[in-house]
Amino acid sequence: MDAQHVIHVTDQVVDSDHVKIGEVSAVSPTYLHVTSGLFGLGHEYYLPFDAIQEVEPGVVVIKVPARRIPELGWEQRPGPQPDPAQLGYYGTMPAPPVELAPLAPAPPPEAPSDAPAASVEEMHVTEMFVERVVVEPPESPPSVAPISELPIVGNTLCDVRGNQVGKITSVDNGYARTQSGFLGLGQRFYIPIDQIARCVGDCCYVNLTRDQMNAAGWSEKPAA
């Protein structure tokens, strides 16, 4: 997924043939909640981030055609969120319920050859003919800017379960100050920047629940 684009609620979701599936109704740390039908009363899907092929302004394209969604189990709501201690700096992207197998069986692996790194040739032998398959090396993943370099002031802070904590009002000395409640009169948090895992749309996620944030002492202003 192109790190230069973000996903917003109401973005359209289309399959690999660009047939509309529905629209994004919620963005969790690990999957997209997609609803279909009039007023969102049709099918509901829970698409893992691994299933996204590309993101265009206002449109999310997934890797498979719509007819394969039932066999992948994306109509079932995922279980509990992963243990926060196991999440990485940018969060985790769990694998889909079943492997996204190619539409046609892949050829069996062959012994290493002396072919150049730019193009590896394999010989696929069938009962009737010999087929030559060219496998291109994968592209390098796009670079992702550190959270400390992103304009996160004004974004909503969400805990690991996707619950909103408050608005990020300022960033200073490695901490993001967050204010909650009506007119900002609720609880304050001082979140270490390196504990913000990732930002999707206008929501930035931390790897703890709100109770764990209190237990960690993030409601107290850090010493200068």
Protein backbone atom coordinates (compact mmCIF):
# COMPACT_ATOMS: atom_id res chain seq x y z
CA MET A 1 0.00 0.00 0.00
CA ASP A 2 1.38 3.43 -0.99
CA ALA A 3 2.45 5.17 2.22
CA GLN A 4 1.63 8.56 0.60
CA HIS A 5 -2.11 7.80 0.70
CA VAL A 6 -4.35 7.29 3.72
CA ILE A 7 -7.69 5.53 4.04
CA HIS A 8 -10.77 7.43 5.17
CA VAL A 9 -14.25 6.41 6.24
CA THR A 10 -16.65 6.48 3.21
CA ASP A 11 -13.82 5.63 0.77
CA GLN A 12 -15.08 3.27 -1.97
CA VAL A 13 -13.75 -0.33 -1.94
CA VAL A 14 -13.45 -2.21 -5.24
CA ASP A 15 -12.17 -5.68 -6.12
CA SER A 16 -9.29 -6.55 -8.48
CA ASP A 17 -11.66 -6.13 -11.45
CA HIS A 18 -12.63 -2.64 -10.14
CA VAL A 19 -16.15 -3.81 -9.29
CA LYS A 20 -17.52 -1.97 -6.27
CA ILE A 21 -17.79 -4.05 -3.08
CA GLY A 22 -18.90 -1.35 -0.63
CA GLU A 23 -17.42 1.52 1.33
CA VAL A 24 -15.18 1.88 4.38
CA SER A 25 -17.25 2.32 7.55
CA ALA A 26 -14.38 2.03 10.05
CA VAL A 27 -10.59 1.68 10.08
CA SER A 28 -9.08 -0.47 12.84
CA PRO A 29 -5.35 -0.96 13.52
CA THR A 30 -5.43 -4.26 11.60
CA TYR A 31 -8.36 -4.32 9.16
CA LEU A 32 -10.96 -2.28 7.24
CA HIS A 33 -14.63 -2.66 8.15
CA VAL A 34 -16.51 -2.46 4.83
CA THR A 35 -20.30 -2.29 4.46
CA SER A 36 -22.41 -2.66 1.32
CA GLY A 37 -25.97 -2.10 0.23
CA LEU A 38 -28.33 0.83 0.77
CA PHE A 39 -27.42 2.67 3.98
CA GLY A 40 -24.82 -0.02 4.68
CA LEU A 41 -27.51 -2.67 5.33
CA GLY A 42 -25.98 -5.27 2.98
CA HIS A 43 -22.98 -7.53 3.56
CA GLU A 44 -20.22 -6.63 5.99
CA TYR A 45 -16.57 -7.45 5.32
CA TYR A 46 -13.45 -7.23 7.47
CA LEU A 47 -10.55 -6.82 5.04
CA PRO A 48 -6.99 -7.24 6.42
CA PHE A 49 -4.43 -4.70 5.24
CA ASP A 50 -2.56 -7.53 3.48
CA ALA A 51 -5.47 -7.76 1.04
CA ILE A 52 -5.06 -4.18 -0.22
CA GLN A 53 -3.42 -3.88 -3.64
CA GLU A 54 -3.36 -0.09 -3.89
CA VAL A 55 -5.00 3.03 -2.52
CA GLU A 56 -6.14 5.84 -4.79
CA PRO A 57 -7.77 9.08 -3.62
CA GLY A 58 -11.17 7.97 -2.35
CA VAL A 59 -10.79 4.38 -3.60
CA VAL A 60 -9.29 1.23 -2.05
CA VAL A 61 -8.46 -1.61 -4.47
CA ILE A 62 -8.06 -5.16 -3.10
CA LYS A 63 -6.03 -8.00 -4.61
CA VAL A 64 -8.80 -10.50 -5.35
CA PRO A 65 -12.14 -10.55 -7.21
CA ALA A 66 -15.31 -10.24 -5.14
CA ARG A 67 -16.31 -13.87 -5.78
CA ARG A 68 -13.36 -15.08 -3.69
CA ILE A 69 -14.24 -13.13 -0.55
CA PRO A 70 -16.50 -15.87 0.97
CA GLU A 71 -13.76 -18.51 0.74
CA LEU A 72 -11.26 -16.18 2.46
CA GLY A 73 -13.40 -15.75 5.58
CA TRP A 74 -13.52 -11.94 5.43
CA GLU A 75 -17.23 -11.93 6.31
CA GLN A 76 -16.32 -12.94 9.88
CA ARG A 77 -15.30 -10.27 12.40
CA PRO A 78 -11.68 -10.86 13.53
CA GLY A 79 -11.03 -12.07 17.05
CA PRO A 80 -9.43 -10.01 19.85
CA GLN A 81 -6.65 -7.58 18.94
CA PRO A 82 -3.06 -8.90 19.28
CA ASP A 83 -1.13 -8.49 22.50
CA PRO A 84 0.19 -4.87 22.51
CA ALA A 85 3.61 -6.13 23.64
CA GLN A 86 3.92 -8.00 20.34
CA LEU A 87 3.11 -5.00 18.14
CA GLY A 88 5.99 -3.36 16.28
CA TYR A 89 6.85 0.33 15.95
CA TYR A 90 4.36 0.78 13.11
CA GLY A 91 1.91 -1.88 14.33
CA THR A 92 1.32 -5.26 12.79
CA MET A 93 -0.55 -6.30 9.65
CA PRO A 94 -1.86 -9.85 10.32
CA ALA A 95 -2.12 -12.33 7.48
CA PRO A 96 -5.57 -12.92 5.97
CA PRO A 97 -7.57 -15.89 7.31
CA VAL A 98 -6.33 -18.10 4.48
CA GLU A 99 -3.47 -17.68 2.11
CA LEU A 100 -4.20 -15.60 -0.96
CA ALA A 101 -3.39 -18.37 -3.43
CA PRO A 102 -2.94 -17.36 -7.07
CA LEU A 103 -5.87 -17.97 -9.38
CA ALA A 104 -3.87 -20.66 -11.20
CA PRO A 105 -1.49 -23.20 -9.55
CA ALA A 106 2.07 -21.91 -9.34
CA PRO A 107 4.81 -23.97 -11.08
CA PRO A 108 6.92 -26.24 -8.86
CA PRO A 109 10.29 -24.79 -7.74
CA GLU A 110 13.33 -25.72 -9.78
CA ALA A 111 17.00 -25.96 -8.85
CA PRO A 112 18.86 -22.58 -8.80
CA SER A 113 20.16 -21.53 -12.21
CA ASP A 114 22.78 -19.08 -13.43
CA ALA A 115 20.17 -16.66 -14.77
CA PRO A 116 20.81 -12.96 -13.99
CA ALA A 117 19.13 -11.41 -10.91
CA ALA A 118 16.96 -9.11 -13.04
CA SER A 119 14.99 -12.06 -14.49
CA VAL A 120 14.85 -15.65 -13.25
CA GLU A 121 13.66 -18.24 -15.77
CA GLU A 122 12.00 -21.48 -14.73
CA MET A 123 10.94 -24.40 -16.89
CA HIS A 124 7.45 -25.74 -16.11
CA VAL A 125 7.02 -29.21 -17.62
CA THR A 126 3.48 -30.49 -18.16
CA GLU A 127 2.20 -33.69 -19.75
CA MET A 128 1.75 -32.08 -23.18
CA PHE A 129 4.20 -29.17 -23.48
CA VAL A 130 6.99 -27.17 -21.84
CA GLU A 131 6.10 -23.71 -20.57
CA ARG A 132 8.69 -21.04 -19.80
CA VAL A 133 7.80 -18.77 -16.86
CA VAL A 134 9.63 -15.48 -16.18
CA VAL A 135 9.54 -14.37 -12.56
CA GLU A 136 10.47 -10.75 -11.95
CA PRO A 137 12.14 -9.80 -8.64
CA PRO A 138 9.78 -8.04 -6.19
CA GLU A 139 9.84 -4.28 -5.96
CA SER A 140 11.31 -2.66 -2.88
CA PRO A 141 8.62 -1.55 -0.39
CA PRO A 142 8.06 2.21 -0.15
CA SER A 143 9.78 4.04 2.65
CA VAL A 144 7.61 5.18 5.57
CA ALA A 145 8.33 8.45 7.35
CA PRO A 146 8.76 8.21 11.16
CA ILE A 147 5.76 9.35 13.21
CA SER A 148 7.91 12.18 14.62
CA GLU A 149 8.10 13.69 11.11
CA LEU A 150 4.34 13.55 10.40
CA PRO A 151 1.95 16.49 11.09
CA ILE A 152 -0.06 14.71 13.79
CA VAL A 153 -1.31 17.80 15.68
CA GLY A 154 -5.09 17.96 15.31
CA ASN A 155 -5.42 14.19 14.74
CA THR A 156 -7.46 11.93 17.01
CA LEU A 157 -5.52 9.62 19.33
CA CYS A 158 -6.94 6.06 19.45
CA ASP A 159 -5.94 3.18 21.70
CA VAL A 160 -4.98 -0.29 20.43
CA ARG A 161 -8.65 -1.30 20.29
CA GLY A 162 -9.60 1.69 18.11
CA ASN A 163 -11.32 3.62 20.95
CA GLN A 164 -10.88 7.40 20.70
CA VAL A 165 -8.86 8.92 23.55
CA GLY A 166 -8.80 12.61 22.56
CA LYS A 167 -7.30 15.20 20.23
CA ILE A 168 -3.53 15.69 19.85
CA THR A 169 -3.10 19.39 20.67
CA SER A 170 0.69 19.79 20.59
CA VAL A 171 4.01 17.96 20.26
CA ASP A 172 6.94 18.97 22.45
CA ASN A 173 10.12 17.32 23.80
CA GLY A 174 9.23 13.93 22.30
CA TYR A 175 5.67 13.88 23.73
CA ALA A 176 2.29 14.35 22.07
CA ARG A 177 -0.15 16.16 24.36
CA THR A 178 -3.71 14.83 24.07
CA GLN A 179 -6.84 16.52 25.45
CA SER A 180 -10.19 14.73 25.85
CA GLY A 181 -13.71 15.66 26.83
CA PHE A 182 -16.05 18.50 25.84
CA LEU A 183 -14.07 21.63 24.89
CA GLY A 184 -10.93 19.80 25.95
CA LEU A 185 -11.91 19.80 29.63
CA GLY A 186 -11.42 16.07 30.14
CA GLN A 187 -8.38 13.95 30.95
CA ARG A 188 -4.97 14.83 29.52
CA PHE A 189 -2.36 12.42 28.30
CA TYR A 190 1.29 12.94 27.41
CA ILE A 191 2.09 10.21 24.89
CA PRO A 192 5.74 9.40 24.04
CA ILE A 193 6.09 9.85 20.29
CA ASP A 194 7.84 6.47 19.94
CA GLN A 195 4.72 4.77 21.38
CA ILE A 196 2.50 5.97 18.50
CA ALA A 197 2.47 2.95 16.18
CA ARG A 198 0.84 4.33 13.04
CA CYS A 199 -1.62 6.93 11.69
CA VAL A 200 -4.52 5.98 9.39
CA GLY A 201 -6.70 8.85 8.15
CA ASP A 202 -6.97 11.33 11.03
CA CYS A 203 -6.50 8.70 13.78
CA CYS A 204 -3.11 7.86 15.32
CA TYR A 205 -2.90 4.56 17.24
CA VAL A 206 -0.90 3.63 20.34
CA ASN A 207 -0.12 0.06 21.36
CA LEU A 208 -1.94 0.22 24.72
CA THR A 209 -5.50 0.49 26.00
CA ARG A 210 -6.61 3.60 27.85
CA ASP A 211 -6.34 1.80 31.21
CA GLN A 212 -2.79 0.72 30.34
CA MET A 213 -1.97 4.33 29.41
CA ASN A 214 -3.09 5.44 32.87
CA ALA A 215 -1.08 2.65 34.49
CA ALA A 216 1.98 3.72 32.50
CA GLY A 217 1.77 7.21 34.01
CA TRP A 218 1.02 8.96 30.70
CA SER A 219 -1.64 11.09 32.37
CA GLU A 220 1.10 12.92 34.27
CA LYS A 221 3.06 15.72 32.63
CA PRO A 222 6.68 14.54 32.12
CA ALA A 223 9.45 16.37 33.90
CA ALA A 224 11.26 18.96 31.80
